[in-house]
Amino acid sequence: MRTVSFLGIKVYSIGFYADLQNPELNLSSCATADQKIEHLIRRTACVLRIVPTRSTSYSHLRDGFMRSLQKRLALGRKRGTLSEEEEKAVQPPLRKLKSIFPSTPLSKHTPLDILLTAPPSDPAQTRSLIFRDMGSVDNDWVATEFVLAYFEGDAPSPPLKRSVAERLQNPYSVRETQS
């Protein structure tokens, strides 16, 4: 559950789903929870399911997503993991992402599914971020960083991050989710 303000207003529930049966995954038992989460996101298909607990608009969600990705750009520059050329290359996919959201309301309890496709076996192909019934963005950086933003640092939903970390630290519960 994501809450905002000091009043703790509940705005949406969020779920994270990943392909834990992917043979390419190889989660190390020695890795930290944060390392396991990043490994998962970088190496397998994932889905974020956002379910608003109150009516909102797609444009409100879009604006939050865009702010989050702008923070990821700044973080990449600061860490030196994103070159100026790479930053310029992600601008068209960011504009596309911004354009796929309709200017209509999103009713409460209506799920918004966001799929991060599995890494392609062909290096010439890119990962996609697919917004169900709206469109997709085909760009490795945008697709991966969009999902990573939910888990790094001051994540938008600390309970989501905590829940996934706990699940990955407990091998029994990971096996349980695979069945």
N, C-alpha and C. Protein backbone atom coordinates (compact mmCIF):
# COMPACT_ATOMS: atom_id res chain seq x y z
N MET A 1 0.85 -1.17 0.00
CA MET A 1 0.00 0.00 0.00
C MET A 1 0.90 1.24 0.00
N ARG A 2 0.64 2.15 -0.90
CA ARG A 2 1.37 3.42 -0.94
C ARG A 2 0.52 4.46 -0.23
N THR A 3 1.15 5.15 0.69
CA THR A 3 0.45 6.22 1.40
C THR A 3 1.19 7.54 1.16
N VAL A 4 0.45 8.63 1.26
CA VAL A 4 1.04 9.95 1.10
C VAL A 4 0.63 10.83 2.28
N SER A 5 1.42 11.82 2.55
CA SER A 5 1.24 12.85 3.57
C SER A 5 1.37 12.27 4.98
N PHE A 6 1.46 13.17 5.90
CA PHE A 6 1.59 12.77 7.30
C PHE A 6 0.31 12.12 7.81
N LEU A 7 -0.80 12.28 7.09
CA LEU A 7 -2.07 11.67 7.47
C LEU A 7 -2.15 10.20 7.07
N GLY A 8 -1.20 9.76 6.24
CA GLY A 8 -1.18 8.36 5.81
C GLY A 8 -2.32 8.00 4.88
N ILE A 9 -2.66 8.89 3.97
CA ILE A 9 -3.75 8.64 3.03
C ILE A 9 -3.32 7.54 2.06
N LYS A 10 -4.12 6.50 1.98
CA LYS A 10 -3.82 5.37 1.10
C LYS A 10 -4.21 5.74 -0.33
N VAL A 11 -3.24 5.62 -1.27
CA VAL A 11 -3.53 6.02 -2.65
C VAL A 11 -3.57 4.83 -3.61
N TYR A 12 -2.75 3.84 -3.39
CA TYR A 12 -2.84 2.65 -4.24
C TYR A 12 -2.15 1.47 -3.58
N SER A 13 -2.57 0.30 -4.03
CA SER A 13 -1.88 -0.94 -3.68
C SER A 13 -1.00 -1.27 -4.85
N ILE A 14 0.12 -1.91 -4.56
CA ILE A 14 1.03 -2.28 -5.64
C ILE A 14 1.54 -3.68 -5.39
N GLY A 15 1.63 -4.43 -6.48
CA GLY A 15 2.19 -5.77 -6.42
C GLY A 15 3.34 -5.89 -7.39
N PHE A 16 4.29 -6.72 -7.06
CA PHE A 16 5.45 -6.98 -7.91
C PHE A 16 5.49 -8.47 -8.17
N TYR A 17 5.55 -8.81 -9.45
CA TYR A 17 5.58 -10.21 -9.86
C TYR A 17 6.80 -10.41 -10.74
N ALA A 18 7.51 -11.51 -10.52
CA ALA A 18 8.71 -11.79 -11.31
C ALA A 18 8.74 -13.27 -11.65
N ASP A 19 9.39 -13.58 -12.73
CA ASP A 19 9.54 -14.95 -13.20
C ASP A 19 10.65 -15.65 -12.42
N LEU A 20 10.31 -16.18 -11.26
CA LEU A 20 11.31 -16.82 -10.41
C LEU A 20 11.74 -18.20 -10.93
N GLN A 21 11.05 -18.72 -11.92
CA GLN A 21 11.42 -20.01 -12.49
C GLN A 21 12.34 -19.88 -13.68
N ASN A 22 12.71 -18.67 -14.03
CA ASN A 22 13.61 -18.43 -15.15
C ASN A 22 14.95 -19.11 -14.86
N PRO A 23 15.38 -20.03 -15.73
CA PRO A 23 16.64 -20.74 -15.48
C PRO A 23 17.86 -19.83 -15.53
N GLU A 24 17.74 -18.66 -16.14
CA GLU A 24 18.85 -17.70 -16.21
C GLU A 24 19.00 -16.90 -14.92
N LEU A 25 18.09 -17.06 -14.00
CA LEU A 25 18.03 -16.21 -12.83
C LEU A 25 19.20 -16.42 -11.86
N ASN A 26 19.38 -17.62 -11.36
CA ASN A 26 20.48 -17.95 -10.44
C ASN A 26 20.66 -16.92 -9.33
N LEU A 27 19.67 -16.79 -8.46
CA LEU A 27 19.78 -15.88 -7.33
C LEU A 27 20.78 -16.43 -6.33
N SER A 28 21.78 -15.65 -5.98
CA SER A 28 22.80 -16.06 -5.02
C SER A 28 22.26 -15.96 -3.61
N SER A 29 22.46 -16.99 -2.82
CA SER A 29 22.00 -16.95 -1.44
C SER A 29 22.85 -16.01 -0.60
N CYS A 30 24.04 -15.64 -1.08
CA CYS A 30 24.93 -14.73 -0.35
C CYS A 30 24.61 -13.26 -0.63
N ALA A 31 23.82 -12.98 -1.65
CA ALA A 31 23.52 -11.60 -2.02
C ALA A 31 22.58 -10.96 -1.02
N THR A 32 22.67 -9.64 -0.90
CA THR A 32 21.74 -8.90 -0.07
C THR A 32 20.38 -8.86 -0.76
N ALA A 33 19.37 -8.48 -0.02
CA ALA A 33 18.02 -8.37 -0.61
C ALA A 33 18.02 -7.37 -1.76
N ASP A 34 18.70 -6.22 -1.58
CA ASP A 34 18.76 -5.22 -2.64
C ASP A 34 19.44 -5.77 -3.89
N GLN A 35 20.50 -6.53 -3.70
CA GLN A 35 21.20 -7.13 -4.85
C GLN A 35 20.31 -8.15 -5.54
N LYS A 36 19.56 -8.93 -4.77
CA LYS A 36 18.66 -9.92 -5.36
C LYS A 36 17.55 -9.24 -6.17
N ILE A 37 17.00 -8.17 -5.63
CA ILE A 37 15.94 -7.45 -6.34
C ILE A 37 16.48 -6.90 -7.65
N GLU A 38 17.64 -6.25 -7.61
CA GLU A 38 18.22 -5.70 -8.84
C GLU A 38 18.53 -6.81 -9.84
N HIS A 39 19.07 -7.92 -9.35
CA HIS A 39 19.37 -9.06 -10.22
C HIS A 39 18.10 -9.56 -10.91
N LEU A 40 17.03 -9.70 -10.13
CA LEU A 40 15.74 -10.13 -10.67
C LEU A 40 15.27 -9.20 -11.79
N ILE A 41 15.27 -7.90 -11.51
CA ILE A 41 14.75 -6.93 -12.46
C ILE A 41 15.59 -6.90 -13.73
N ARG A 42 16.89 -7.03 -13.59
CA ARG A 42 17.77 -6.97 -14.76
C ARG A 42 17.76 -8.25 -15.60
N ARG A 43 17.30 -9.37 -15.02
CA ARG A 43 17.47 -10.65 -15.72
C ARG A 43 16.19 -11.41 -16.05
N THR A 44 15.03 -10.89 -15.67
CA THR A 44 13.81 -11.64 -15.97
C THR A 44 12.63 -10.70 -16.21
N ALA A 45 11.57 -11.26 -16.70
CA ALA A 45 10.34 -10.49 -16.90
C ALA A 45 9.73 -10.18 -15.54
N CYS A 46 9.15 -8.99 -15.42
CA CYS A 46 8.52 -8.55 -14.17
C CYS A 46 7.23 -7.80 -14.50
N VAL A 47 6.34 -7.77 -13.54
CA VAL A 47 5.11 -6.99 -13.68
C VAL A 47 4.91 -6.19 -12.40
N LEU A 48 4.56 -4.94 -12.57
CA LEU A 48 4.07 -4.12 -11.48
C LEU A 48 2.57 -3.98 -11.70
N ARG A 49 1.78 -4.24 -10.68
CA ARG A 49 0.33 -4.04 -10.76
C ARG A 49 -0.04 -2.97 -9.74
N ILE A 50 -0.56 -1.88 -10.25
CA ILE A 50 -0.97 -0.75 -9.41
C ILE A 50 -2.49 -0.71 -9.42
N VAL A 51 -3.07 -0.70 -8.21
CA VAL A 51 -4.52 -0.65 -8.07
C VAL A 51 -4.86 0.54 -7.17
N PRO A 52 -5.41 1.61 -7.76
CA PRO A 52 -5.76 2.79 -6.96
C PRO A 52 -6.84 2.47 -5.93
N THR A 53 -6.68 3.02 -4.74
CA THR A 53 -7.69 2.85 -3.70
C THR A 53 -8.68 4.01 -3.69
N ARG A 54 -8.42 4.99 -4.52
CA ARG A 54 -9.33 6.13 -4.74
C ARG A 54 -9.20 6.52 -6.20
N SER A 55 -10.20 7.16 -6.72
CA SER A 55 -10.15 7.57 -8.13
C SER A 55 -8.99 8.54 -8.33
N THR A 56 -8.33 8.39 -9.46
CA THR A 56 -7.21 9.25 -9.81
C THR A 56 -7.26 9.47 -11.32
N SER A 57 -6.20 9.96 -11.88
CA SER A 57 -6.16 10.12 -13.32
C SER A 57 -4.86 9.52 -13.84
N TYR A 58 -4.92 9.13 -15.10
CA TYR A 58 -3.71 8.61 -15.73
C TYR A 58 -2.63 9.69 -15.77
N SER A 59 -3.04 10.94 -15.95
CA SER A 59 -2.04 12.01 -16.03
C SER A 59 -1.33 12.20 -14.69
N HIS A 60 -2.03 11.99 -13.59
CA HIS A 60 -1.41 12.07 -12.27
C HIS A 60 -0.35 10.97 -12.12
N LEU A 61 -0.70 9.76 -12.51
CA LEU A 61 0.27 8.65 -12.46
C LEU A 61 1.44 8.94 -13.39
N ARG A 62 1.15 9.37 -14.61
CA ARG A 62 2.20 9.70 -15.58
C ARG A 62 3.19 10.70 -15.01
N ASP A 63 2.68 11.75 -14.39
CA ASP A 63 3.56 12.77 -13.83
C ASP A 63 4.46 12.19 -12.75
N GLY A 64 3.92 11.32 -11.92
CA GLY A 64 4.74 10.66 -10.89
C GLY A 64 5.79 9.77 -11.51
N PHE A 65 5.42 9.03 -12.56
CA PHE A 65 6.39 8.16 -13.24
C PHE A 65 7.51 8.99 -13.86
N MET A 66 7.14 10.10 -14.47
CA MET A 66 8.14 10.94 -15.12
C MET A 66 9.09 11.57 -14.10
N ARG A 67 8.56 12.02 -12.97
CA ARG A 67 9.43 12.56 -11.91
C ARG A 67 10.41 11.50 -11.42
N SER A 68 9.90 10.30 -11.27
CA SER A 68 10.75 9.20 -10.82
C SER A 68 11.88 8.92 -11.81
N LEU A 69 11.56 8.91 -13.10
CA LEU A 69 12.59 8.66 -14.11
C LEU A 69 13.57 9.83 -14.22
N GLN A 70 13.10 11.05 -14.00
CA GLN A 70 14.02 12.19 -13.99
C GLN A 70 15.02 12.07 -12.83
N LYS A 71 14.54 11.59 -11.69
CA LYS A 71 15.44 11.34 -10.55
C LYS A 71 16.46 10.25 -10.90
N ARG A 72 16.00 9.23 -11.63
CA ARG A 72 16.91 8.14 -12.02
C ARG A 72 17.98 8.67 -12.98
N LEU A 73 17.60 9.59 -13.89
CA LEU A 73 18.58 10.21 -14.78
C LEU A 73 19.63 10.96 -13.98
N ALA A 74 19.18 11.77 -13.02
CA ALA A 74 20.12 12.54 -12.20
C ALA A 74 21.03 11.61 -11.40
N LEU A 75 20.48 10.53 -10.89
CA LEU A 75 21.26 9.55 -10.14
C LEU A 75 22.31 8.89 -11.04
N GLY A 76 21.92 8.55 -12.26
CA GLY A 76 22.85 7.95 -13.22
C GLY A 76 24.00 8.89 -13.55
N ARG A 77 23.68 10.17 -13.72
CA ARG A 77 24.74 11.17 -13.97
C ARG A 77 25.67 11.28 -12.78
N LYS A 78 25.09 11.33 -11.60
CA LYS A 78 25.88 11.48 -10.37
C LYS A 78 26.80 10.27 -10.16
N ARG A 79 26.29 9.09 -10.42
CA ARG A 79 27.07 7.87 -10.23
C ARG A 79 28.06 7.62 -11.37
N GLY A 80 27.87 8.32 -12.48
CA GLY A 80 28.73 8.10 -13.63
C GLY A 80 28.36 6.88 -14.44
N THR A 81 27.13 6.37 -14.25
CA THR A 81 26.67 5.19 -14.99
C THR A 81 25.87 5.55 -16.23
N LEU A 82 25.67 6.85 -16.45
CA LEU A 82 24.89 7.31 -17.59
C LEU A 82 25.66 8.44 -18.27
N SER A 83 26.10 8.18 -19.47
CA SER A 83 26.85 9.19 -20.22
C SER A 83 25.90 10.24 -20.78
N GLU A 84 26.45 11.35 -21.21
CA GLU A 84 25.65 12.41 -21.81
C GLU A 84 24.97 11.89 -23.08
N GLU A 85 25.69 11.08 -23.83
CA GLU A 85 25.13 10.50 -25.06
C GLU A 85 23.96 9.57 -24.73
N GLU A 86 24.11 8.75 -23.70
CA GLU A 86 23.03 7.84 -23.30
C GLU A 86 21.82 8.62 -22.79
N GLU A 87 22.10 9.69 -22.07
CA GLU A 87 21.01 10.52 -21.57
C GLU A 87 20.21 11.13 -22.72
N LYS A 88 20.91 11.59 -23.75
CA LYS A 88 20.23 12.13 -24.92
C LYS A 88 19.42 11.04 -25.63
N ALA A 89 19.95 9.83 -25.65
CA ALA A 89 19.28 8.72 -26.34
C ALA A 89 17.97 8.31 -25.67
N VAL A 90 17.85 8.54 -24.37
CA VAL A 90 16.61 8.14 -23.68
C VAL A 90 15.52 9.21 -23.76
N GLN A 91 15.84 10.39 -24.26
CA GLN A 91 14.83 11.45 -24.31
C GLN A 91 13.62 11.09 -25.21
N PRO A 92 13.83 10.58 -26.43
CA PRO A 92 12.65 10.20 -27.24
C PRO A 92 11.79 9.11 -26.57
N PRO A 93 12.39 8.04 -25.98
CA PRO A 93 11.53 7.07 -25.28
C PRO A 93 10.80 7.68 -24.08
N LEU A 94 11.44 8.63 -23.39
CA LEU A 94 10.75 9.29 -22.28
C LEU A 94 9.55 10.10 -22.79
N ARG A 95 9.73 10.77 -23.92
CA ARG A 95 8.60 11.52 -24.51
C ARG A 95 7.49 10.55 -24.93
N LYS A 96 7.87 9.40 -25.47
CA LYS A 96 6.85 8.42 -25.86
C LYS A 96 6.10 7.93 -24.63
N LEU A 97 6.84 7.64 -23.56
CA LEU A 97 6.20 7.20 -22.32
C LEU A 97 5.18 8.23 -21.86
N LYS A 98 5.56 9.47 -21.89
CA LYS A 98 4.68 10.55 -21.45
C LYS A 98 3.42 10.62 -22.32
N SER A 99 3.55 10.29 -23.59
CA SER A 99 2.43 10.44 -24.53
C SER A 99 1.44 9.28 -24.52
N ILE A 100 1.77 8.14 -23.93
CA ILE A 100 0.86 6.99 -24.03
C ILE A 100 -0.29 7.02 -23.03
N PHE A 101 -0.22 7.92 -22.07
CA PHE A 101 -1.26 7.96 -21.05
C PHE A 101 -2.44 8.80 -21.52
N PRO A 102 -3.65 8.25 -21.43
CA PRO A 102 -4.83 9.03 -21.82
C PRO A 102 -5.12 10.11 -20.78
N SER A 103 -5.85 11.11 -21.17
CA SER A 103 -6.23 12.18 -20.22
C SER A 103 -7.61 11.88 -19.66
N THR A 104 -7.74 10.68 -19.13
CA THR A 104 -9.01 10.23 -18.57
C THR A 104 -8.79 9.77 -17.14
N PRO A 105 -9.87 9.64 -16.39
CA PRO A 105 -9.74 9.16 -15.02
C PRO A 105 -9.39 7.67 -14.99
N LEU A 106 -8.76 7.26 -13.91
CA LEU A 106 -8.54 5.85 -13.62
C LEU A 106 -9.35 5.57 -12.37
N SER A 107 -10.39 4.78 -12.53
CA SER A 107 -11.30 4.50 -11.42
C SER A 107 -10.62 3.69 -10.33
N LYS A 108 -11.08 3.91 -9.10
CA LYS A 108 -10.52 3.13 -8.01
C LYS A 108 -10.79 1.65 -8.25
N HIS A 109 -9.88 0.84 -7.80
CA HIS A 109 -9.91 -0.62 -7.92
C HIS A 109 -9.71 -1.12 -9.36
N THR A 110 -9.33 -0.23 -10.29
CA THR A 110 -9.03 -0.64 -11.66
C THR A 110 -7.52 -0.86 -11.78
N PRO A 111 -7.08 -2.10 -12.03
CA PRO A 111 -5.64 -2.35 -12.07
C PRO A 111 -4.96 -1.76 -13.30
N LEU A 112 -3.76 -1.28 -13.08
CA LEU A 112 -2.87 -0.85 -14.15
C LEU A 112 -1.68 -1.79 -14.11
N ASP A 113 -1.56 -2.62 -15.14
CA ASP A 113 -0.46 -3.58 -15.21
C ASP A 113 0.64 -3.04 -16.09
N ILE A 114 1.87 -3.12 -15.58
CA ILE A 114 3.05 -2.64 -16.30
C ILE A 114 4.04 -3.78 -16.38
N LEU A 115 4.28 -4.25 -17.59
CA LEU A 115 5.15 -5.41 -17.83
C LEU A 115 6.52 -4.96 -18.30
N LEU A 116 7.55 -5.45 -17.63
CA LEU A 116 8.93 -5.31 -18.09
C LEU A 116 9.27 -6.63 -18.76
N THR A 117 9.48 -6.59 -20.07
CA THR A 117 9.75 -7.84 -20.79
C THR A 117 11.11 -8.41 -20.37
N ALA A 118 11.27 -9.68 -20.61
CA ALA A 118 12.53 -10.35 -20.30
C ALA A 118 13.64 -9.78 -21.18
N PRO A 119 14.86 -9.81 -20.69
CA PRO A 119 15.97 -9.35 -21.54
C PRO A 119 16.02 -10.20 -22.81
N PRO A 120 16.17 -9.57 -23.95
CA PRO A 120 16.19 -10.33 -25.20
C PRO A 120 17.49 -11.14 -25.34
N SER A 121 17.40 -12.25 -26.02
CA SER A 121 18.61 -13.05 -26.27
C SER A 121 19.47 -12.42 -27.36
N ASP A 122 18.85 -11.63 -28.20
CA ASP A 122 19.57 -10.94 -29.27
C ASP A 122 19.94 -9.53 -28.79
N PRO A 123 21.25 -9.24 -28.69
CA PRO A 123 21.67 -7.93 -28.19
C PRO A 123 21.19 -6.74 -29.04
N ALA A 124 20.77 -6.99 -30.26
CA ALA A 124 20.28 -5.91 -31.13
C ALA A 124 18.85 -5.49 -30.73
N GLN A 125 18.17 -6.33 -29.95
CA GLN A 125 16.81 -6.01 -29.51
C GLN A 125 16.86 -5.31 -28.15
N THR A 126 15.76 -4.66 -27.81
CA THR A 126 15.70 -3.95 -26.53
C THR A 126 14.57 -4.49 -25.67
N ARG A 127 14.64 -4.18 -24.40
CA ARG A 127 13.57 -4.52 -23.48
C ARG A 127 12.44 -3.51 -23.66
N SER A 128 11.25 -3.97 -23.38
CA SER A 128 10.08 -3.11 -23.49
C SER A 128 9.41 -2.96 -22.14
N LEU A 129 8.77 -1.83 -21.97
CA LEU A 129 7.92 -1.56 -20.82
C LEU A 129 6.52 -1.41 -21.40
N ILE A 130 5.66 -2.35 -21.09
CA ILE A 130 4.33 -2.40 -21.70
C ILE A 130 3.26 -2.02 -20.67
N PHE A 131 2.51 -1.00 -21.00
CA PHE A 131 1.39 -0.56 -20.17
C PHE A 131 0.13 -1.15 -20.79
N ARG A 132 -0.46 -2.09 -20.10
CA ARG A 132 -1.60 -2.83 -20.65
C ARG A 132 -2.67 -1.88 -21.20
N ASP A 133 -3.09 -2.17 -22.41
CA ASP A 133 -4.15 -1.44 -23.11
C ASP A 133 -3.79 0.00 -23.48
N MET A 134 -2.51 0.39 -23.30
CA MET A 134 -2.14 1.77 -23.62
C MET A 134 -0.99 1.86 -24.61
N GLY A 135 -0.01 1.02 -24.47
CA GLY A 135 1.14 1.09 -25.36
C GLY A 135 2.40 0.63 -24.67
N SER A 136 3.50 0.81 -25.37
CA SER A 136 4.78 0.36 -24.82
C SER A 136 5.89 1.32 -25.20
N VAL A 137 6.98 1.21 -24.44
CA VAL A 137 8.20 1.96 -24.70
C VAL A 137 9.31 0.95 -24.84
N ASP A 138 10.02 1.01 -25.95
CA ASP A 138 11.10 0.07 -26.23
C ASP A 138 12.44 0.76 -26.01
N ASN A 139 12.97 0.61 -24.81
CA ASN A 139 14.26 1.19 -24.48
C ASN A 139 14.75 0.50 -23.21
N ASP A 140 15.95 -0.08 -23.27
CA ASP A 140 16.49 -0.81 -22.12
C ASP A 140 16.54 0.04 -20.86
N TRP A 141 17.09 1.26 -20.99
CA TRP A 141 17.26 2.09 -19.80
C TRP A 141 15.91 2.46 -19.20
N VAL A 142 15.00 2.97 -20.00
CA VAL A 142 13.69 3.40 -19.49
C VAL A 142 12.96 2.21 -18.86
N ALA A 143 12.93 1.09 -19.56
CA ALA A 143 12.20 -0.07 -19.07
C ALA A 143 12.75 -0.56 -17.73
N THR A 144 14.05 -0.74 -17.66
CA THR A 144 14.66 -1.27 -16.44
C THR A 144 14.63 -0.27 -15.30
N GLU A 145 14.98 0.98 -15.57
CA GLU A 145 15.03 1.99 -14.51
C GLU A 145 13.65 2.31 -13.96
N PHE A 146 12.61 2.19 -14.79
CA PHE A 146 11.25 2.41 -14.32
C PHE A 146 10.95 1.46 -13.16
N VAL A 147 11.28 0.18 -13.33
CA VAL A 147 10.99 -0.81 -12.29
C VAL A 147 11.97 -0.68 -11.13
N LEU A 148 13.25 -0.46 -11.42
CA LEU A 148 14.23 -0.31 -10.34
C LEU A 148 13.87 0.84 -9.41
N ALA A 149 13.23 1.88 -9.93
CA ALA A 149 12.87 3.04 -9.12
C ALA A 149 11.98 2.67 -7.94
N TYR A 150 11.23 1.59 -8.06
CA TYR A 150 10.36 1.16 -6.98
C TYR A 150 11.11 0.50 -5.83
N PHE A 151 12.40 0.24 -6.02
CA PHE A 151 13.14 -0.52 -5.02
C PHE A 151 14.42 0.12 -4.50
N GLU A 152 14.86 1.19 -5.09
CA GLU A 152 16.13 1.76 -4.66
C GLU A 152 15.93 3.00 -3.80
N GLY A 153 16.78 3.11 -2.80
CA GLY A 153 16.78 4.30 -1.96
C GLY A 153 15.43 4.60 -1.36
N ASP A 154 14.99 5.84 -1.51
CA ASP A 154 13.71 6.29 -0.97
C ASP A 154 12.61 5.89 -1.95
N ALA A 155 12.32 4.61 -2.00
CA ALA A 155 11.36 4.05 -2.96
C ALA A 155 9.97 4.65 -2.73
N PRO A 156 9.16 4.74 -3.81
CA PRO A 156 7.81 5.30 -3.67
C PRO A 156 6.92 4.50 -2.72
N SER A 157 7.18 3.21 -2.60
CA SER A 157 6.36 2.37 -1.73
C SER A 157 7.27 1.51 -0.85
N PRO A 158 7.73 2.05 0.28
CA PRO A 158 8.60 1.26 1.16
C PRO A 158 8.02 -0.10 1.56
N PRO A 159 6.69 -0.21 1.78
CA PRO A 159 6.17 -1.55 2.11
C PRO A 159 6.38 -2.57 0.98
N LEU A 160 6.30 -2.13 -0.27
CA LEU A 160 6.56 -3.03 -1.40
C LEU A 160 8.01 -3.50 -1.34
N LYS A 161 8.91 -2.58 -1.20
CA LYS A 161 10.33 -2.91 -1.15
C LYS A 161 10.62 -3.88 0.00
N ARG A 162 10.07 -3.59 1.16
CA ARG A 162 10.27 -4.43 2.33
C ARG A 162 9.69 -5.84 2.11
N SER A 163 8.50 -5.90 1.54
CA SER A 163 7.84 -7.19 1.31
C SER A 163 8.63 -8.06 0.33
N VAL A 164 9.08 -7.46 -0.77
CA VAL A 164 9.85 -8.22 -1.76
C VAL A 164 11.19 -8.65 -1.17
N ALA A 165 11.84 -7.77 -0.42
CA ALA A 165 13.12 -8.11 0.21
C ALA A 165 12.95 -9.28 1.18
N GLU A 166 11.91 -9.23 1.99
CA GLU A 166 11.65 -10.32 2.93
C GLU A 166 11.41 -11.63 2.20
N ARG A 167 10.64 -11.56 1.13
CA ARG A 167 10.33 -12.76 0.37
C ARG A 167 11.59 -13.38 -0.23
N LEU A 168 12.49 -12.53 -0.73
CA LEU A 168 13.72 -13.03 -1.36
C LEU A 168 14.75 -13.50 -0.35
N GLN A 169 14.69 -12.99 0.88
CA GLN A 169 15.64 -13.43 1.90
C GLN A 169 15.24 -14.77 2.49
N ASN A 170 13.97 -15.12 2.38
CA ASN A 170 13.49 -16.38 2.93
C ASN A 170 13.34 -17.38 1.79
N PRO A 171 14.29 -18.30 1.64
CA PRO A 171 14.24 -19.25 0.52
C PRO A 171 12.94 -20.05 0.47
N TYR A 172 12.36 -20.37 1.62
CA TYR A 172 11.13 -21.13 1.64
C TYR A 172 10.01 -20.36 0.92
N SER A 173 9.92 -19.07 1.21
CA SER A 173 8.83 -18.29 0.60
C SER A 173 9.06 -18.08 -0.88
N VAL A 174 10.33 -18.06 -1.33
CA VAL A 174 10.60 -17.96 -2.77
C VAL A 174 10.13 -19.22 -3.46
N ARG A 175 10.44 -20.38 -2.87
CA ARG A 175 9.97 -21.64 -3.46
C ARG A 175 8.45 -21.66 -3.49
N GLU A 176 7.84 -21.16 -2.43
CA GLU A 176 6.40 -21.13 -2.34
C GLU A 176 5.79 -20.33 -3.48
N THR A 177 6.42 -19.22 -3.85
CA THR A 177 5.87 -18.38 -4.92
C THR A 177 6.08 -19.01 -6.28
N GLN A 178 6.99 -19.99 -6.38
CA GLN A 178 7.24 -20.62 -7.67
C GLN A 178 6.19 -21.66 -8.00
N SER A 179 5.44 -22.14 -7.02
CA SER A 179 4.47 -23.20 -7.31
C SER A 179 3.16 -22.66 -7.79
